[in-house]
Amino acid sequence: MSYVATSASKPASTLSLLADRIAASVIRLLREIRIRNASNELRGLSPALLKDMGIARSDIDRVVRQGR
């Protein structure tokens, strides 16, 4: 008689899925923290320095998120 226990693999796959979702959330959170830190750093620069870099103050968020 052959018997395949699928219920034993379900908790493992559910746990794996949960771990993947938590990891993805942590990665997104860390990315947002880096973006916020970069935005804050650029906002602290003088208008002349931003102009030298070719960044308008109104474009800081876009530049940080998407690049030039």
PDB file of N, CA and C in Angstrom:
ATOM      1  N   MET A   1       0.846  -1.171   0.000  1.00  0.00           N
ATOM      2  CA  MET A   1       0.000   0.000   0.000  1.00  0.00           C
ATOM      3  C   MET A   1       0.893   1.236   0.000  1.00  0.00           C
ATOM      4  N   SER A   2       0.635   2.119  -0.934  1.00  0.00           N
ATOM      5  CA  SER A   2       1.441   3.337  -0.954  1.00  0.00           C
ATOM      6  C   SER A   2       0.584   4.508  -0.486  1.00  0.00           C
ATOM      7  N   TYR A   3       1.196   5.312   0.335  1.00  0.00           N
ATOM      8  CA  TYR A   3       0.489   6.445   0.910  1.00  0.00           C
ATOM      9  C   TYR A   3       1.414   7.642   0.852  1.00  0.00           C
ATOM     10  N   VAL A   4       0.944   8.716   0.284  1.00  0.00           N
ATOM     11  CA  VAL A   4       1.743   9.941   0.206  1.00  0.00           C
ATOM     12  C   VAL A   4       1.095  10.969   1.117  1.00  0.00           C
ATOM     13  N   ALA A   5       1.857  11.408   2.058  1.00  0.00           N
ATOM     14  CA  ALA A   5       1.341  12.390   3.006  1.00  0.00           C
ATOM     15  C   ALA A   5       1.582  13.791   2.455  1.00  0.00           C
ATOM     16  N   THR A   6       0.535  14.416   1.995  1.00  0.00           N
ATOM     17  CA  THR A   6       0.675  15.780   1.488  1.00  0.00           C
ATOM     18  C   THR A   6       0.499  16.809   2.591  1.00  0.00           C
ATOM     19  N   SER A   7      -0.174  16.414   3.653  1.00  0.00           N
ATOM     20  CA  SER A   7      -0.397  17.373   4.731  1.00  0.00           C
ATOM     21  C   SER A   7       0.902  17.721   5.445  1.00  0.00           C
ATOM     22  N   ALA A   8       1.868  16.829   5.436  1.00  0.00           N
ATOM     23  CA  ALA A   8       3.144  17.126   6.086  1.00  0.00           C
ATOM     24  C   ALA A   8       3.928  18.161   5.292  1.00  0.00           C
ATOM     25  N   SER A   9       3.764  18.172   3.973  1.00  0.00           N
ATOM     26  CA  SER A   9       4.500  19.137   3.167  1.00  0.00           C
ATOM     27  C   SER A   9       3.798  20.491   3.119  1.00  0.00           C
ATOM     28  N   LYS A  10       2.508  20.533   3.386  1.00  0.00           N
ATOM     29  CA  LYS A  10       1.785  21.798   3.357  1.00  0.00           C
ATOM     30  C   LYS A  10       2.298  22.796   4.392  1.00  0.00           C
ATOM     31  N   PRO A  11       2.459  22.403   5.655  1.00  0.00           N
ATOM     32  CA  PRO A  11       2.983  23.377   6.614  1.00  0.00           C
ATOM     33  C   PRO A  11       4.373  23.880   6.227  1.00  0.00           C
ATOM     34  N   ALA A  12       5.190  22.996   5.673  1.00  0.00           N
ATOM     35  CA  ALA A  12       6.534  23.421   5.270  1.00  0.00           C
ATOM     36  C   ALA A  12       6.445  24.433   4.137  1.00  0.00           C
ATOM     37  N   SER A  13       5.574  24.186   3.163  1.00  0.00           N
ATOM     38  CA  SER A  13       5.452  25.131   2.057  1.00  0.00           C
ATOM     39  C   SER A  13       4.810  26.430   2.522  1.00  0.00           C
ATOM     40  N   THR A  14       3.873  26.348   3.449  1.00  0.00           N
ATOM     41  CA  THR A  14       3.258  27.551   4.004  1.00  0.00           C
ATOM     42  C   THR A  14       4.285  28.359   4.777  1.00  0.00           C
ATOM     43  N   LEU A  15       5.099  27.672   5.542  1.00  0.00           N
ATOM     44  CA  LEU A  15       6.155  28.345   6.292  1.00  0.00           C
ATOM     45  C   LEU A  15       7.160  28.989   5.343  1.00  0.00           C
ATOM     46  N   SER A  16       7.497  28.286   4.280  1.00  0.00           N
ATOM     47  CA  SER A  16       8.424  28.827   3.291  1.00  0.00           C
ATOM     48  C   SER A  16       7.835  30.062   2.616  1.00  0.00           C
ATOM     49  N   LEU A  17       6.566  30.011   2.273  1.00  0.00           N
ATOM     50  CA  LEU A  17       5.894  31.148   1.657  1.00  0.00           C
ATOM     51  C   LEU A  17       5.871  32.337   2.609  1.00  0.00           C
ATOM     52  N   LEU A  18       5.577  32.081   3.862  1.00  0.00           N
ATOM     53  CA  LEU A  18       5.568  33.138   4.867  1.00  0.00           C
ATOM     54  C   LEU A  18       6.954  33.754   5.016  1.00  0.00           C
ATOM     55  N   ALA A  19       7.973  32.918   5.066  1.00  0.00           N
ATOM     56  CA  ALA A  19       9.347  33.415   5.179  1.00  0.00           C
ATOM     57  C   ALA A  19       9.721  34.258   3.965  1.00  0.00           C
ATOM     58  N   ASP A  20       9.305  33.831   2.775  1.00  0.00           N
ATOM     59  CA  ASP A  20       9.579  34.598   1.558  1.00  0.00           C
ATOM     60  C   ASP A  20       8.901  35.960   1.600  1.00  0.00           C
ATOM     61  N   ARG A  21       7.670  35.989   2.065  1.00  0.00           N
ATOM     62  CA  ARG A  21       6.940  37.262   2.143  1.00  0.00           C
ATOM     63  C   ARG A  21       7.561  38.191   3.176  1.00  0.00           C
ATOM     64  N   ILE A  22       7.975  37.643   4.293  1.00  0.00           N
ATOM     65  CA  ILE A  22       8.632  38.463   5.315  1.00  0.00           C
ATOM     66  C   ILE A  22       9.942  39.012   4.774  1.00  0.00           C
ATOM     67  N   ALA A  23      10.715  38.169   4.104  1.00  0.00           N
ATOM     68  CA  ALA A  23      11.987  38.611   3.528  1.00  0.00           C
ATOM     69  C   ALA A  23      11.757  39.709   2.497  1.00  0.00           C
ATOM     70  N   ALA A  24      10.759  39.559   1.654  1.00  0.00           N
ATOM     71  CA  ALA A  24      10.456  40.582   0.646  1.00  0.00           C
ATOM     72  C   ALA A  24      10.039  41.890   1.314  1.00  0.00           C
ATOM     73  N   SER A  25       9.282  41.799   2.388  1.00  0.00           N
ATOM     74  CA  SER A  25       8.863  43.000   3.117  1.00  0.00           C
ATOM     75  C   SER A  25      10.049  43.706   3.749  1.00  0.00           C
ATOM     76  N   VAL A  26      10.956  42.939   4.312  1.00  0.00           N
ATOM     77  CA  VAL A  26      12.157  43.523   4.917  1.00  0.00           C
ATOM     78  C   VAL A  26      13.009  44.200   3.849  1.00  0.00           C
ATOM     79  N   ILE A  27      13.142  43.572   2.696  1.00  0.00           N
ATOM     80  CA  ILE A  27      13.919  44.157   1.599  1.00  0.00           C
ATOM     81  C   ILE A  27      13.285  45.473   1.149  1.00  0.00           C
ATOM     82  N   ARG A  28      11.948  45.491   0.999  1.00  0.00           N
ATOM     83  CA  ARG A  28      11.263  46.734   0.614  1.00  0.00           C
ATOM     84  C   ARG A  28      11.450  47.809   1.673  1.00  0.00           C
ATOM     85  N   LEU A  29      11.361  47.434   2.946  1.00  0.00           N
ATOM     86  CA  LEU A  29      11.540  48.391   4.033  1.00  0.00           C
ATOM     87  C   LEU A  29      12.944  48.983   4.015  1.00  0.00           C
ATOM     88  N   LEU A  30      13.954  48.136   3.847  1.00  0.00           N
ATOM     89  CA  LEU A  30      15.334  48.620   3.801  1.00  0.00           C
ATOM     90  C   LEU A  30      15.556  49.540   2.611  1.00  0.00           C
ATOM     91  N   ARG A  31      14.944  49.216   1.470  1.00  0.00           N
ATOM     92  CA  ARG A  31      15.059  50.077   0.286  1.00  0.00           C
ATOM     93  C   ARG A  31      14.443  51.443   0.567  1.00  0.00           C
ATOM     94  N   GLU A  32      13.278  51.470   1.191  1.00  0.00           N
ATOM     95  CA  GLU A  32      12.620  52.738   1.505  1.00  0.00           C
ATOM     96  C   GLU A  32      13.439  53.557   2.499  1.00  0.00           C
ATOM     97  N   ILE A  33      14.076  52.897   3.446  1.00  0.00           N
ATOM     98  CA  ILE A  33      14.933  53.608   4.404  1.00  0.00           C
ATOM     99  C   ILE A  33      16.110  54.238   3.676  1.00  0.00           C
ATOM    100  N   ARG A  34      16.745  53.488   2.752  1.00  0.00           N
ATOM    101  CA  ARG A  34      17.863  54.044   1.976  1.00  0.00           C
ATOM    102  C   ARG A  34      17.410  55.228   1.126  1.00  0.00           C
ATOM    103  N   ILE A  35      16.235  55.112   0.524  1.00  0.00           N
ATOM    104  CA  ILE A  35      15.701  56.201  -0.293  1.00  0.00           C
ATOM    105  C   ILE A  35      15.449  57.432   0.569  1.00  0.00           C
ATOM    106  N   ARG A  36      14.838  57.235   1.721  1.00  0.00           N
ATOM    107  CA  ARG A  36      14.562  58.367   2.612  1.00  0.00           C
ATOM    108  C   ARG A  36      15.851  59.029   3.067  1.00  0.00           C
ATOM    109  N   ASN A  37      16.852  58.225   3.421  1.00  0.00           N
ATOM    110  CA  ASN A  37      18.129  58.789   3.853  1.00  0.00           C
ATOM    111  C   ASN A  37      18.801  59.583   2.741  1.00  0.00           C
ATOM    112  N   ALA A  38      18.770  59.050   1.523  1.00  0.00           N
ATOM    113  CA  ALA A  38      19.369  59.757   0.385  1.00  0.00           C
ATOM    114  C   ALA A  38      18.615  61.054   0.105  1.00  0.00           C
ATOM    115  N   SER A  39      17.294  61.015   0.163  1.00  0.00           N
ATOM    116  CA  SER A  39      16.493  62.225  -0.055  1.00  0.00           C
ATOM    117  C   SER A  39      16.806  63.277   0.998  1.00  0.00           C
ATOM    118  N   ASN A  40      16.873  62.860   2.241  1.00  0.00           N
ATOM    119  CA  ASN A  40      17.183  63.800   3.318  1.00  0.00           C
ATOM    120  C   ASN A  40      18.571  64.403   3.149  1.00  0.00           C
ATOM    121  N   GLU A  41      19.517  63.593   2.721  1.00  0.00           N
ATOM    122  CA  GLU A  41      20.873  64.092   2.515  1.00  0.00           C
ATOM    123  C   GLU A  41      20.900  65.129   1.394  1.00  0.00           C
ATOM    124  N   LEU A  42      20.215  64.843   0.294  1.00  0.00           N
ATOM    125  CA  LEU A  42      20.174  65.803  -0.815  1.00  0.00           C
ATOM    126  C   LEU A  42      19.427  67.074  -0.425  1.00  0.00           C
ATOM    127  N   ARG A  43      18.370  66.948   0.357  1.00  0.00           N
ATOM    128  CA  ARG A  43      17.628  68.138   0.795  1.00  0.00           C
ATOM    129  C   ARG A  43      18.476  69.040   1.688  1.00  0.00           C
ATOM    130  N   GLY A  44      19.477  68.468   2.326  1.00  0.00           N
ATOM    131  CA  GLY A  44      20.351  69.250   3.190  1.00  0.00           C
ATOM    132  C   GLY A  44      21.436  70.005   2.438  1.00  0.00           C
ATOM    133  N   LEU A  45      21.565  69.765   1.138  1.00  0.00           N
ATOM    134  CA  LEU A  45      22.593  70.435   0.344  1.00  0.00           C
ATOM    135  C   LEU A  45      22.121  71.822  -0.083  1.00  0.00           C
ATOM    136  N   SER A  46      23.088  72.675  -0.344  1.00  0.00           N
ATOM    137  CA  SER A  46      22.772  74.034  -0.787  1.00  0.00           C
ATOM    138  C   SER A  46      22.240  74.010  -2.220  1.00  0.00           C
ATOM    139  N   PRO A  47      21.463  75.031  -2.577  1.00  0.00           N
ATOM    140  CA  PRO A  47      20.971  75.115  -3.959  1.00  0.00           C
ATOM    141  C   PRO A  47      22.105  75.131  -4.989  1.00  0.00           C
ATOM    142  N   ALA A  48      23.206  75.791  -4.650  1.00  0.00           N
ATOM    143  CA  ALA A  48      24.339  75.855  -5.581  1.00  0.00           C
ATOM    144  C   ALA A  48      24.934  74.468  -5.816  1.00  0.00           C
ATOM    145  N   LEU A  49      25.068  73.694  -4.762  1.00  0.00           N
ATOM    146  CA  LEU A  49      25.627  72.347  -4.900  1.00  0.00           C
ATOM    147  C   LEU A  49      24.684  71.435  -5.695  1.00  0.00           C
ATOM    148  N   LEU A  50      23.390  71.552  -5.425  1.00  0.00           N
ATOM    149  CA  LEU A  50      22.417  70.777  -6.200  1.00  0.00           C
ATOM    150  C   LEU A  50      22.484  71.162  -7.675  1.00  0.00           C
ATOM    151  N   LYS A  51      22.612  72.471  -7.934  1.00  0.00           N
ATOM    152  CA  LYS A  51      22.706  72.935  -9.322  1.00  0.00           C
ATOM    153  C   LYS A  51      23.957  72.380  -9.992  1.00  0.00           C
ATOM    154  N   ASP A  52      25.069  72.346  -9.262  1.00  0.00           N
ATOM    155  CA  ASP A  52      26.309  71.774  -9.801  1.00  0.00           C
ATOM    156  C   ASP A  52      26.122  70.305 -10.187  1.00  0.00           C
ATOM    157  N   MET A  53      25.296  69.604  -9.436  1.00  0.00           N
ATOM    158  CA  MET A  53      25.034  68.191  -9.723  1.00  0.00           C
ATOM    159  C   MET A  53      23.940  68.014 -10.769  1.00  0.00           C
ATOM    160  N   GLY A  54      23.303  69.117 -11.162  1.00  0.00           N
ATOM    161  CA  GLY A  54      22.248  69.038 -12.163  1.00  0.00           C
ATOM    162  C   GLY A  54      20.928  68.549 -11.615  1.00  0.00           C
ATOM    163  N   ILE A  55      20.701  68.801 -10.328  1.00  0.00           N
ATOM    164  CA  ILE A  55      19.466  68.345  -9.679  1.00  0.00           C
ATOM    165  C   ILE A  55      18.693  69.557  -9.180  1.00  0.00           C
ATOM    166  N   ALA A  56      17.451  69.677  -9.592  1.00  0.00           N
ATOM    167  CA  ALA A  56      16.570  70.701  -9.044  1.00  0.00           C
ATOM    168  C   ALA A  56      15.986  70.165  -7.736  1.00  0.00           C
ATOM    169  N   ARG A  57      15.796  71.048  -6.785  1.00  0.00           N
ATOM    170  CA  ARG A  57      15.265  70.612  -5.491  1.00  0.00           C
ATOM    171  C   ARG A  57      13.931  69.877  -5.661  1.00  0.00           C
ATOM    172  N   SER A  58      13.127  70.310  -6.603  1.00  0.00           N
ATOM    173  CA  SER A  58      11.827  69.667  -6.828  1.00  0.00           C
ATOM    174  C   SER A  58      11.963  68.267  -7.434  1.00  0.00           C
ATOM    175  N   ASP A  59      13.141  67.940  -7.947  1.00  0.00           N
ATOM    176  CA  ASP A  59      13.368  66.630  -8.574  1.00  0.00           C
ATOM    177  C   ASP A  59      14.066  65.625  -7.662  1.00  0.00           C
ATOM    178  N   ILE A  60      14.322  65.999  -6.426  1.00  0.00           N
ATOM    179  CA  ILE A  60      15.093  65.125  -5.534  1.00  0.00           C
ATOM    180  C   ILE A  60      14.446  63.747  -5.393  1.00  0.00           C
ATOM    181  N   ASP A  61      13.159  63.710  -5.112  1.00  0.00           N
ATOM    182  CA  ASP A  61      12.498  62.404  -4.921  1.00  0.00           C
ATOM    183  C   ASP A  61      12.587  61.542  -6.175  1.00  0.00           C
ATOM    184  N   ARG A  62      12.351  62.150  -7.333  1.00  0.00           N
ATOM    185  CA  ARG A  62      12.417  61.395  -8.587  1.00  0.00           C
ATOM    186  C   ARG A  62      13.828  60.898  -8.847  1.00  0.00           C
ATOM    187  N   VAL A  63      14.816  61.748  -8.630  1.00  0.00           N
ATOM    188  CA  VAL A  63      16.208  61.370  -8.878  1.00  0.00           C
ATOM    189  C   VAL A  63      16.623  60.228  -7.957  1.00  0.00           C
ATOM    190  N   VAL A  64      16.235  60.307  -6.706  1.00  0.00           N
ATOM    191  CA  VAL A  64      16.615  59.263  -5.748  1.00  0.00           C
ATOM    192  C   VAL A  64      15.942  57.936  -6.099  1.00  0.00           C
ATOM    193  N   ARG A  65      14.687  57.973  -6.488  1.00  0.00           N
ATOM    194  CA  ARG A  65      13.950  56.741  -6.787  1.00  0.00           C
ATOM    195  C   ARG A  65      14.267  56.166  -8.157  1.00  0.00           C
ATOM    196  N   GLN A  66      14.487  57.039  -9.158  1.00  0.00           N
ATOM    197  CA  GLN A  66      14.607  56.552 -10.530  1.00  0.00           C
ATOM    198  C   GLN A  66      15.944  56.859 -11.177  1.00  0.00           C
ATOM    199  N   GLY A  67      16.789  57.601 -10.518  1.00  0.00           N
ATOM    200  CA  GLY A  67      18.034  58.026 -11.152  1.00  0.00           C
ATOM    201  C   GLY A  67      17.774  59.248 -12.011  1.00  0.00           C
ATOM    202  N   ARG A  68      18.775  59.693 -12.689  1.00  0.00           N
ATOM    203  CA  ARG A  68      18.624  60.903 -13.513  1.00  0.00           C
ATOM    204  C   ARG A  68      17.797  60.552 -14.686  1.00  0.00           C
TER     205      ARG A  68
END
